[in-house]
Amino acid sequence: MGVAITAACLKATGREISDQAELALLANEIERQDLGFAGGSQDSFGAAVGGAKKIVLHRGGGVTCSRLKLPPGVIAQLERDILLIYTGGIHLSGTIHEDIKRSYAMENSPTIAAMNALKAAANKMADALEAGDMRSFADALNNSRRNHYALHSSCDSDVLREFFATLGPYIVGGKTCGAGGGGFIAVVTRPGYTRACVDAAEALGGEVWPFKMDHDGAIGWQEPDWTPAELGELKSLARA
């Protein structure tokens, strides 16, 4: 929503940003500095920049977002096999981020170790997708999920574990989306087991959504001015 509002404001004020990554950075700046909301950087890039992408947060500051070069057929396979499942839980990402930051100072912090493992899993996911290696991609998703649990207690929940335990026979991999603790999970189904996975998720009270890759990212446009006839029709509807 922050990216969409930022894009609309830029369009309305006549400001153009040719690089979609700049739009993501601006939306993050507004959210962090102007509104004072804690959070990460990834979500805005996911909304602003189209395609499968790799986001690198550099030591000392700065972010690089680049599209992955996927072999033919990989996107179709992802869209066929991946399901997004709303678990019915909710989480407040700002609270989770603040909890995680406080755990940095712990001696032998498990959070730091988990973050290093999450970074390695993300790099493996990107490499596997560009190589068309879906088995390694699914393995990396599983590694990411396990280390997400280890990141902080607020990233784990009995509901998430129940979903993954129940769906285990029907999937080859999966992870929690976002900051954790609730919300959506993404799973890669085994060939021929998509329907069984959907049925099992819905039996747990989950809401299943198909996965569709967005290739365009955020786009701003301006509607043409209303014609006199359209204005007249609108006024007549208002009077009715």
C-alpha atoms as a PDB file:
ATOM      1  CA  MET A   1       0.000   0.000   0.000  1.00  0.00           C
ATOM      2  CA  GLY A   2       2.867   2.353   0.803  1.00  0.00           C
ATOM      3  CA  VAL A   3       4.409   1.823  -2.632  1.00  0.00           C
ATOM      4  CA  ALA A   4       1.054   2.351  -4.369  1.00  0.00           C
ATOM      5  CA  ILE A   5       0.353   5.599  -2.489  1.00  0.00           C
ATOM      6  CA  THR A   6       3.887   6.848  -3.150  1.00  0.00           C
ATOM      7  CA  ALA A   7       3.545   6.089  -6.880  1.00  0.00           C
ATOM      8  CA  ALA A   8       0.181   7.873  -6.988  1.00  0.00           C
ATOM      9  CA  CYS A   9       1.575  10.960  -5.221  1.00  0.00           C
ATOM     10  CA  LEU A  10       4.516  11.112  -7.618  1.00  0.00           C
ATOM     11  CA  LYS A  11       2.167  10.920 -10.600  1.00  0.00           C
ATOM     12  CA  ALA A  12      -0.189  13.550  -9.169  1.00  0.00           C
ATOM     13  CA  THR A  13       2.669  15.999  -8.542  1.00  0.00           C
ATOM     14  CA  GLY A  14       4.323  15.447 -11.914  1.00  0.00           C
ATOM     15  CA  ARG A  15       7.458  13.790 -10.537  1.00  0.00           C
ATOM     16  CA  GLU A  16       8.868  10.888 -12.532  1.00  0.00           C
ATOM     17  CA  ILE A  17      11.069   8.078 -11.219  1.00  0.00           C
ATOM     18  CA  SER A  18      12.327   5.898 -14.043  1.00  0.00           C
ATOM     19  CA  ASP A  19      13.918   3.291 -11.773  1.00  0.00           C
ATOM     20  CA  GLN A  20      11.347   1.229  -9.868  1.00  0.00           C
ATOM     21  CA  ALA A  21      13.937   0.495  -7.186  1.00  0.00           C
ATOM     22  CA  GLU A  22      14.027   4.239  -6.426  1.00  0.00           C
ATOM     23  CA  LEU A  23      10.278   4.103  -5.818  1.00  0.00           C
ATOM     24  CA  ALA A  24      10.828   1.310  -3.279  1.00  0.00           C
ATOM     25  CA  LEU A  25      13.560   3.296  -1.517  1.00  0.00           C
ATOM     26  CA  LEU A  26      11.359   6.401  -1.361  1.00  0.00           C
ATOM     27  CA  ALA A  27       8.422   4.419   0.054  1.00  0.00           C
ATOM     28  CA  ASN A  28      10.755   2.957   2.695  1.00  0.00           C
ATOM     29  CA  GLU A  29      12.070   6.412   3.594  1.00  0.00           C
ATOM     30  CA  ILE A  30       8.527   7.724   4.082  1.00  0.00           C
ATOM     31  CA  GLU A  31       7.557   4.715   6.192  1.00  0.00           C
ATOM     32  CA  ARG A  32      10.671   4.730   8.383  1.00  0.00           C
ATOM     33  CA  GLN A  33      11.513   8.425   8.747  1.00  0.00           C
ATOM     34  CA  ASP A  34       8.305  10.382   8.152  1.00  0.00           C
ATOM     35  CA  LEU A  35       5.828   7.933   9.706  1.00  0.00           C
ATOM     36  CA  GLY A  36       8.213   6.322  12.207  1.00  0.00           C
ATOM     37  CA  PHE A  37       7.226   2.727  11.444  1.00  0.00           C
ATOM     38  CA  ALA A  38       9.809   0.004  11.996  1.00  0.00           C
ATOM     39  CA  GLY A  39      10.159  -2.644   9.325  1.00  0.00           C
ATOM     40  CA  GLY A  40      12.360  -4.234   6.698  1.00  0.00           C
ATOM     41  CA  SER A  41      13.253  -3.244   3.144  1.00  0.00           C
ATOM     42  CA  GLN A  42      12.114  -6.243   1.123  1.00  0.00           C
ATOM     43  CA  ASP A  43       8.356  -5.682   0.948  1.00  0.00           C
ATOM     44  CA  SER A  44       8.579  -2.386  -0.916  1.00  0.00           C
ATOM     45  CA  PHE A  45      10.888  -3.880  -3.552  1.00  0.00           C
ATOM     46  CA  GLY A  46       8.492  -6.789  -3.957  1.00  0.00           C
ATOM     47  CA  ALA A  47       5.692  -4.337  -4.723  1.00  0.00           C
ATOM     48  CA  ALA A  48       7.669  -1.834  -6.801  1.00  0.00           C
ATOM     49  CA  VAL A  49       9.909  -4.031  -8.956  1.00  0.00           C
ATOM     50  CA  GLY A  50       8.478  -6.739 -11.198  1.00  0.00           C
ATOM     51  CA  GLY A  51       9.755 -10.248 -11.779  1.00  0.00           C
ATOM     52  CA  ALA A  52      11.757 -12.616  -9.602  1.00  0.00           C
ATOM     53  CA  LYS A  53      14.488 -10.619  -7.913  1.00  0.00           C
ATOM     54  CA  LYS A  54      17.418 -10.709  -5.529  1.00  0.00           C
ATOM     55  CA  ILE A  55      17.730  -7.969  -2.916  1.00  0.00           C
ATOM     56  CA  VAL A  56      21.144  -7.302  -1.364  1.00  0.00           C
ATOM     57  CA  LEU A  57      21.451  -5.101   1.717  1.00  0.00           C
ATOM     58  CA  HIS A  58      25.020  -3.825   1.849  1.00  0.00           C
ATOM     59  CA  ARG A  59      27.158  -3.523   4.936  1.00  0.00           C
ATOM     60  CA  GLY A  60      27.083   0.091   6.093  1.00  0.00           C
ATOM     61  CA  GLY A  61      23.887   0.916   4.195  1.00  0.00           C
ATOM     62  CA  GLY A  62      22.444   0.800   0.715  1.00  0.00           C
ATOM     63  CA  VAL A  63      20.317  -1.739  -1.139  1.00  0.00           C
ATOM     64  CA  THR A  64      20.687  -3.329  -4.571  1.00  0.00           C
ATOM     65  CA  CYS A  65      17.720  -5.018  -6.242  1.00  0.00           C
ATOM     66  CA  SER A  66      18.290  -7.002  -9.441  1.00  0.00           C
ATOM     67  CA  ARG A  67      15.991  -9.210 -11.497  1.00  0.00           C
ATOM     68  CA  LEU A  68      16.919 -12.860 -11.784  1.00  0.00           C
ATOM     69  CA  LYS A  69      17.470 -14.311 -15.250  1.00  0.00           C
ATOM     70  CA  LEU A  70      15.236 -17.362 -15.198  1.00  0.00           C
ATOM     71  CA  PRO A  71      15.420 -20.124 -17.817  1.00  0.00           C
ATOM     72  CA  PRO A  72      12.359 -20.724 -20.008  1.00  0.00           C
ATOM     73  CA  GLY A  73       9.673 -22.660 -18.202  1.00  0.00           C
ATOM     74  CA  VAL A  74      10.754 -21.843 -14.646  1.00  0.00           C
ATOM     75  CA  ILE A  75       8.103 -19.163 -14.123  1.00  0.00           C
ATOM     76  CA  ALA A  76       5.405 -21.461 -15.477  1.00  0.00           C
ATOM     77  CA  GLN A  77       6.556 -24.199 -13.106  1.00  0.00           C
ATOM     78  CA  LEU A  78       6.554 -21.815 -10.138  1.00  0.00           C
ATOM     79  CA  GLU A  79       3.042 -20.638 -10.976  1.00  0.00           C
ATOM     80  CA  ARG A  80       1.875 -24.237 -11.349  1.00  0.00           C
ATOM     81  CA  ASP A  81       3.407 -25.663  -8.158  1.00  0.00           C
ATOM     82  CA  ILE A  82       3.429 -22.819  -5.612  1.00  0.00           C
ATOM     83  CA  LEU A  83       0.454 -22.078  -3.377  1.00  0.00           C
ATOM     84  CA  LEU A  84       0.036 -19.119  -1.045  1.00  0.00           C
ATOM     85  CA  ILE A  85      -1.898 -20.112   2.069  1.00  0.00           C
ATOM     86  CA  TYR A  86      -3.325 -17.684   4.594  1.00  0.00           C
ATOM     87  CA  THR A  87      -3.075 -19.446   7.955  1.00  0.00           C
ATOM     88  CA  GLY A  88      -5.578 -17.203   9.690  1.00  0.00           C
ATOM     89  CA  GLY A  89      -2.910 -15.804  11.990  1.00  0.00           C
ATOM     90  CA  ILE A  90      -1.728 -12.214  12.092  1.00  0.00           C
ATOM     91  CA  HIS A  91       1.560 -10.566  12.991  1.00  0.00           C
ATOM     92  CA  LEU A  92       2.844  -7.069  13.616  1.00  0.00           C
ATOM     93  CA  SER A  93       6.085  -6.888  11.672  1.00  0.00           C
ATOM     94  CA  GLY A  94       7.236  -3.704  13.407  1.00  0.00           C
ATOM     95  CA  THR A  95       7.044  -5.390  16.825  1.00  0.00           C
ATOM     96  CA  ILE A  96       8.897  -8.449  15.541  1.00  0.00           C
ATOM     97  CA  HIS A  97      11.664  -6.298  14.037  1.00  0.00           C
ATOM     98  CA  GLU A  98      12.113  -4.416  17.318  1.00  0.00           C
ATOM     99  CA  ASP A  99      12.332  -7.697  19.257  1.00  0.00           C
ATOM    100  CA  ILE A 100      14.941  -9.023  16.845  1.00  0.00           C
ATOM    101  CA  LYS A 101      17.042  -5.849  17.087  1.00  0.00           C
ATOM    102  CA  ARG A 102      17.132  -6.174  20.883  1.00  0.00           C
ATOM    103  CA  SER A 103      18.385  -9.752  20.590  1.00  0.00           C
ATOM    104  CA  TYR A 104      21.459  -8.623  18.599  1.00  0.00           C
ATOM    105  CA  ALA A 105      23.193  -7.645  21.850  1.00  0.00           C
ATOM    106  CA  MET A 106      22.844 -11.089  23.442  1.00  0.00           C
ATOM    107  CA  GLU A 107      26.047 -13.022  24.043  1.00  0.00           C
ATOM    108  CA  ASN A 108      26.381 -15.715  21.358  1.00  0.00           C
ATOM    109  CA  SER A 109      23.151 -14.371  19.891  1.00  0.00           C
ATOM    110  CA  PRO A 110      21.166 -17.122  18.134  1.00  0.00           C
ATOM    111  CA  THR A 111      19.609 -14.347  16.065  1.00  0.00           C
ATOM    112  CA  ILE A 112      22.916 -13.515  14.367  1.00  0.00           C
ATOM    113  CA  ALA A 113      23.555 -17.161  13.531  1.00  0.00           C
ATOM    114  CA  ALA A 114      20.050 -17.550  12.135  1.00  0.00           C
ATOM    115  CA  MET A 115      20.411 -14.395  10.023  1.00  0.00           C
ATOM    116  CA  ASN A 116      23.626 -15.687   8.478  1.00  0.00           C
ATOM    117  CA  ALA A 117      21.868 -18.957   7.634  1.00  0.00           C
ATOM    118  CA  LEU A 118      18.887 -17.067   6.156  1.00  0.00           C
ATOM    119  CA  LYS A 119      21.245 -15.085   3.943  1.00  0.00           C
ATOM    120  CA  ALA A 120      22.883 -18.298   2.710  1.00  0.00           C
ATOM    121  CA  ALA A 121      19.453 -19.817   1.981  1.00  0.00           C
ATOM    122  CA  ALA A 122      18.384 -16.732   0.015  1.00  0.00           C
ATOM    123  CA  ASN A 123      21.537 -16.847  -2.122  1.00  0.00           C
ATOM    124  CA  LYS A 124      20.950 -20.557  -2.761  1.00  0.00           C
ATOM    125  CA  MET A 125      17.342 -19.849  -3.806  1.00  0.00           C
ATOM    126  CA  ALA A 126      18.450 -17.236  -6.330  1.00  0.00           C
ATOM    127  CA  ASP A 127      21.191 -19.478  -7.763  1.00  0.00           C
ATOM    128  CA  ALA A 128      18.826 -22.453  -7.967  1.00  0.00           C
ATOM    129  CA  LEU A 129      16.144 -20.490  -9.817  1.00  0.00           C
ATOM    130  CA  GLU A 130      18.624 -19.133 -12.360  1.00  0.00           C
ATOM    131  CA  ALA A 131      19.904 -22.700 -12.874  1.00  0.00           C
ATOM    132  CA  GLY A 132      16.372 -24.085 -13.166  1.00  0.00           C
ATOM    133  CA  ASP A 133      17.102 -26.417 -10.230  1.00  0.00           C
ATOM    134  CA  MET A 134      13.708 -26.629  -8.498  1.00  0.00           C
ATOM    135  CA  ARG A 135      14.823 -29.333  -6.049  1.00  0.00           C
ATOM    136  CA  SER A 136      17.568 -27.088  -4.655  1.00  0.00           C
ATOM    137  CA  PHE A 137      15.130 -24.179  -4.596  1.00  0.00           C
ATOM    138  CA  ALA A 138      12.716 -26.195  -2.439  1.00  0.00           C
ATOM    139  CA  ASP A 139      15.546 -27.329  -0.149  1.00  0.00           C
ATOM    140  CA  ALA A 140      16.571 -23.698   0.344  1.00  0.00           C
ATOM    141  CA  LEU A 141      12.971 -22.778   1.203  1.00  0.00           C
ATOM    142  CA  ASN A 142      13.001 -25.437   3.919  1.00  0.00           C
ATOM    143  CA  ASN A 143      16.328 -24.200   5.295  1.00  0.00           C
ATOM    144  CA  SER A 144      14.939 -20.686   5.347  1.00  0.00           C
ATOM    145  CA  ARG A 145      11.858 -21.820   7.281  1.00  0.00           C
ATOM    146  CA  ARG A 146      13.889 -23.650   9.922  1.00  0.00           C
ATOM    147  CA  ASN A 147      16.206 -20.705  10.484  1.00  0.00           C
ATOM    148  CA  HIS A 148      13.255 -18.302  10.490  1.00  0.00           C
ATOM    149  CA  TYR A 149      11.963 -20.165  13.523  1.00  0.00           C
ATOM    150  CA  ALA A 150      15.394 -19.792  15.142  1.00  0.00           C
ATOM    151  CA  LEU A 151      15.548 -16.077  14.373  1.00  0.00           C
ATOM    152  CA  HIS A 152      13.338 -15.139  17.314  1.00  0.00           C
ATOM    153  CA  SER A 153      10.501 -16.680  19.291  1.00  0.00           C
ATOM    154  CA  SER A 154       8.067 -14.148  17.791  1.00  0.00           C
ATOM    155  CA  CYS A 155       8.695 -15.641  14.316  1.00  0.00           C
ATOM    156  CA  ASP A 156       7.359 -19.035  15.369  1.00  0.00           C
ATOM    157  CA  SER A 157       3.889 -20.280  16.272  1.00  0.00           C
ATOM    158  CA  ASP A 158       2.005 -23.510  16.879  1.00  0.00           C
ATOM    159  CA  VAL A 159      -0.294 -22.635  13.960  1.00  0.00           C
ATOM    160  CA  LEU A 160       2.587 -22.390  11.473  1.00  0.00           C
ATOM    161  CA  ARG A 161       4.111 -25.652  12.638  1.00  0.00           C
ATOM    162  CA  GLU A 162       0.745 -27.417  12.415  1.00  0.00           C
ATOM    163  CA  PHE A 163       0.270 -26.273   8.822  1.00  0.00           C
ATOM    164  CA  PHE A 164       3.713 -27.445   7.708  1.00  0.00           C
ATOM    165  CA  ALA A 165       3.390 -30.761   9.573  1.00  0.00           C
ATOM    166  CA  THR A 166      -0.019 -31.482   8.028  1.00  0.00           C
ATOM    167  CA  LEU A 167       0.979 -30.392   4.518  1.00  0.00           C
ATOM    168  CA  GLY A 168       4.309 -32.251   4.646  1.00  0.00           C
ATOM    169  CA  PRO A 169       3.205 -35.276   2.579  1.00  0.00           C
ATOM    170  CA  TYR A 170       1.987 -32.997  -0.243  1.00  0.00           C
ATOM    171  CA  ILE A 171       4.853 -30.483  -0.536  1.00  0.00           C
ATOM    172  CA  VAL A 172       8.587 -30.503  -1.271  1.00  0.00           C
ATOM    173  CA  GLY A 173       9.299 -27.177   0.405  1.00  0.00           C
ATOM    174  CA  GLY A 174       7.861 -24.069   1.947  1.00  0.00           C
ATOM    175  CA  LYS A 175       8.411 -21.095   4.206  1.00  0.00           C
ATOM    176  CA  THR A 176       6.632 -18.370   6.092  1.00  0.00           C
ATOM    177  CA  CYS A 177       6.109 -15.107   4.200  1.00  0.00           C
ATOM    178  CA  GLY A 178       7.058 -11.794   5.770  1.00  0.00           C
ATOM    179  CA  ALA A 179       8.242 -11.221   9.314  1.00  0.00           C
ATOM    180  CA  GLY A 180       6.731 -14.412  10.673  1.00  0.00           C
ATOM    181  CA  GLY A 181       4.455 -15.344  13.530  1.00  0.00           C
ATOM    182  CA  GLY A 182       1.411 -15.656  11.277  1.00  0.00           C
ATOM    183  CA  GLY A 183      -0.087 -14.593   7.973  1.00  0.00           C
ATOM    184  CA  PHE A 184       0.792 -16.327   4.704  1.00  0.00           C
ATOM    185  CA  ILE A 185       2.995 -19.303   3.969  1.00  0.00           C
ATOM    186  CA  ALA A 186       4.294 -20.293   0.527  1.00  0.00           C
ATOM    187  CA  VAL A 187       4.586 -23.985  -0.343  1.00  0.00           C
ATOM    188  CA  VAL A 188       5.862 -25.885  -3.392  1.00  0.00           C
ATOM    189  CA  THR A 189       3.565 -28.845  -4.011  1.00  0.00           C
ATOM    190  CA  ARG A 190       4.659 -32.282  -5.126  1.00  0.00           C
ATOM    191  CA  PRO A 191       3.661 -33.139  -8.714  1.00  0.00           C
ATOM    192  CA  GLY A 192       0.071 -34.369  -8.695  1.00  0.00           C
ATOM    193  CA  TYR A 193      -0.612 -33.355  -5.081  1.00  0.00           C
ATOM    194  CA  THR A 194      -1.853 -29.793  -5.478  1.00  0.00           C
ATOM    195  CA  ARG A 195      -5.521 -30.683  -4.916  1.00  0.00           C
ATOM    196  CA  ALA A 196      -4.683 -32.771  -1.846  1.00  0.00           C
ATOM    197  CA  CYS A 197      -2.594 -29.891  -0.477  1.00  0.00           C
ATOM    198  CA  VAL A 198      -5.461 -27.441  -0.996  1.00  0.00           C
ATOM    199  CA  ASP A 199      -7.920 -29.772   0.740  1.00  0.00           C
ATOM    200  CA  ALA A 200      -5.596 -30.298   3.705  1.00  0.00           C
ATOM    201  CA  ALA A 201      -4.926 -26.566   4.095  1.00  0.00           C
ATOM    202  CA  GLU A 202      -8.620 -25.713   3.949  1.00  0.00           C
ATOM    203  CA  ALA A 203      -9.401 -28.438   6.508  1.00  0.00           C
ATOM    204  CA  LEU A 204      -7.072 -26.563   8.888  1.00  0.00           C
ATOM    205  CA  GLY A 205      -8.999 -23.349   8.270  1.00  0.00           C
ATOM    206  CA  GLY A 206      -6.526 -21.951   5.769  1.00  0.00           C
ATOM    207  CA  GLU A 207      -7.415 -19.837   2.752  1.00  0.00           C
ATOM    208  CA  VAL A 208      -5.564 -20.923  -0.420  1.00  0.00           C
ATOM    209  CA  TRP A 209      -4.495 -18.451  -3.096  1.00  0.00           C
ATOM    210  CA  PRO A 210      -2.806 -19.242  -6.437  1.00  0.00           C
ATOM    211  CA  PHE A 211       0.685 -17.904  -7.097  1.00  0.00           C
ATOM    212  CA  LYS A 212       1.101 -15.515 -10.021  1.00  0.00           C
ATOM    213  CA  MET A 213       4.312 -13.701 -10.935  1.00  0.00           C
ATOM    214  CA  ASP A 214       4.007  -9.938 -11.442  1.00  0.00           C
ATOM    215  CA  HIS A 215       6.301  -8.876 -14.285  1.00  0.00           C
ATOM    216  CA  ASP A 216       5.508  -5.154 -14.406  1.00  0.00           C
ATOM    217  CA  GLY A 217       5.922  -3.869 -10.854  1.00  0.00           C
ATOM    218  CA  ALA A 218       4.385  -0.562  -9.789  1.00  0.00           C
ATOM    219  CA  ILE A 219       2.978   1.577 -12.606  1.00  0.00           C
ATOM    220  CA  GLY A 220       1.441   5.025 -12.210  1.00  0.00           C
ATOM    221  CA  TRP A 221      -1.098   6.419 -14.656  1.00  0.00           C
ATOM    222  CA  GLN A 222      -3.556   9.266 -14.924  1.00  0.00           C
ATOM    223  CA  GLU A 223      -7.188   8.819 -15.866  1.00  0.00           C
ATOM    224  CA  PRO A 224      -8.448  11.067 -18.697  1.00  0.00           C
ATOM    225  CA  ASP A 225     -10.629  14.024 -17.747  1.00  0.00           C
ATOM    226  CA  TRP A 226     -14.348  13.346 -17.423  1.00  0.00           C
ATOM    227  CA  THR A 227     -16.448  14.305 -20.439  1.00  0.00           C
ATOM    228  CA  PRO A 228     -19.544  16.526 -19.920  1.00  0.00           C
ATOM    229  CA  ALA A 229     -21.732  13.496 -20.592  1.00  0.00           C
ATOM    230  CA  GLU A 230     -19.949  11.437 -17.932  1.00  0.00           C
ATOM    231  CA  LEU A 231     -20.213  14.295 -15.422  1.00  0.00           C
ATOM    232  CA  GLY A 232     -23.915  14.608 -16.154  1.00  0.00           C
ATOM    233  CA  GLU A 233     -24.425  10.902 -15.592  1.00  0.00           C
ATOM    234  CA  LEU A 234     -22.514  11.051 -12.317  1.00  0.00           C
ATOM    235  CA  LYS A 235     -24.654  13.962 -11.077  1.00  0.00           C
ATOM    236  CA  SER A 236     -27.839  12.143 -11.980  1.00  0.00           C
ATOM    237  CA  LEU A 237     -26.690   9.086 -10.055  1.00  0.00           C
ATOM    238  CA  ALA A 238     -25.855  11.271  -7.048  1.00  0.00           C
ATOM    239  CA  ARG A 239     -29.339  12.814  -7.113  1.00  0.00           C
ATOM    240  CA  ALA A 240     -30.928   9.376  -7.344  1.00  0.00           C
END
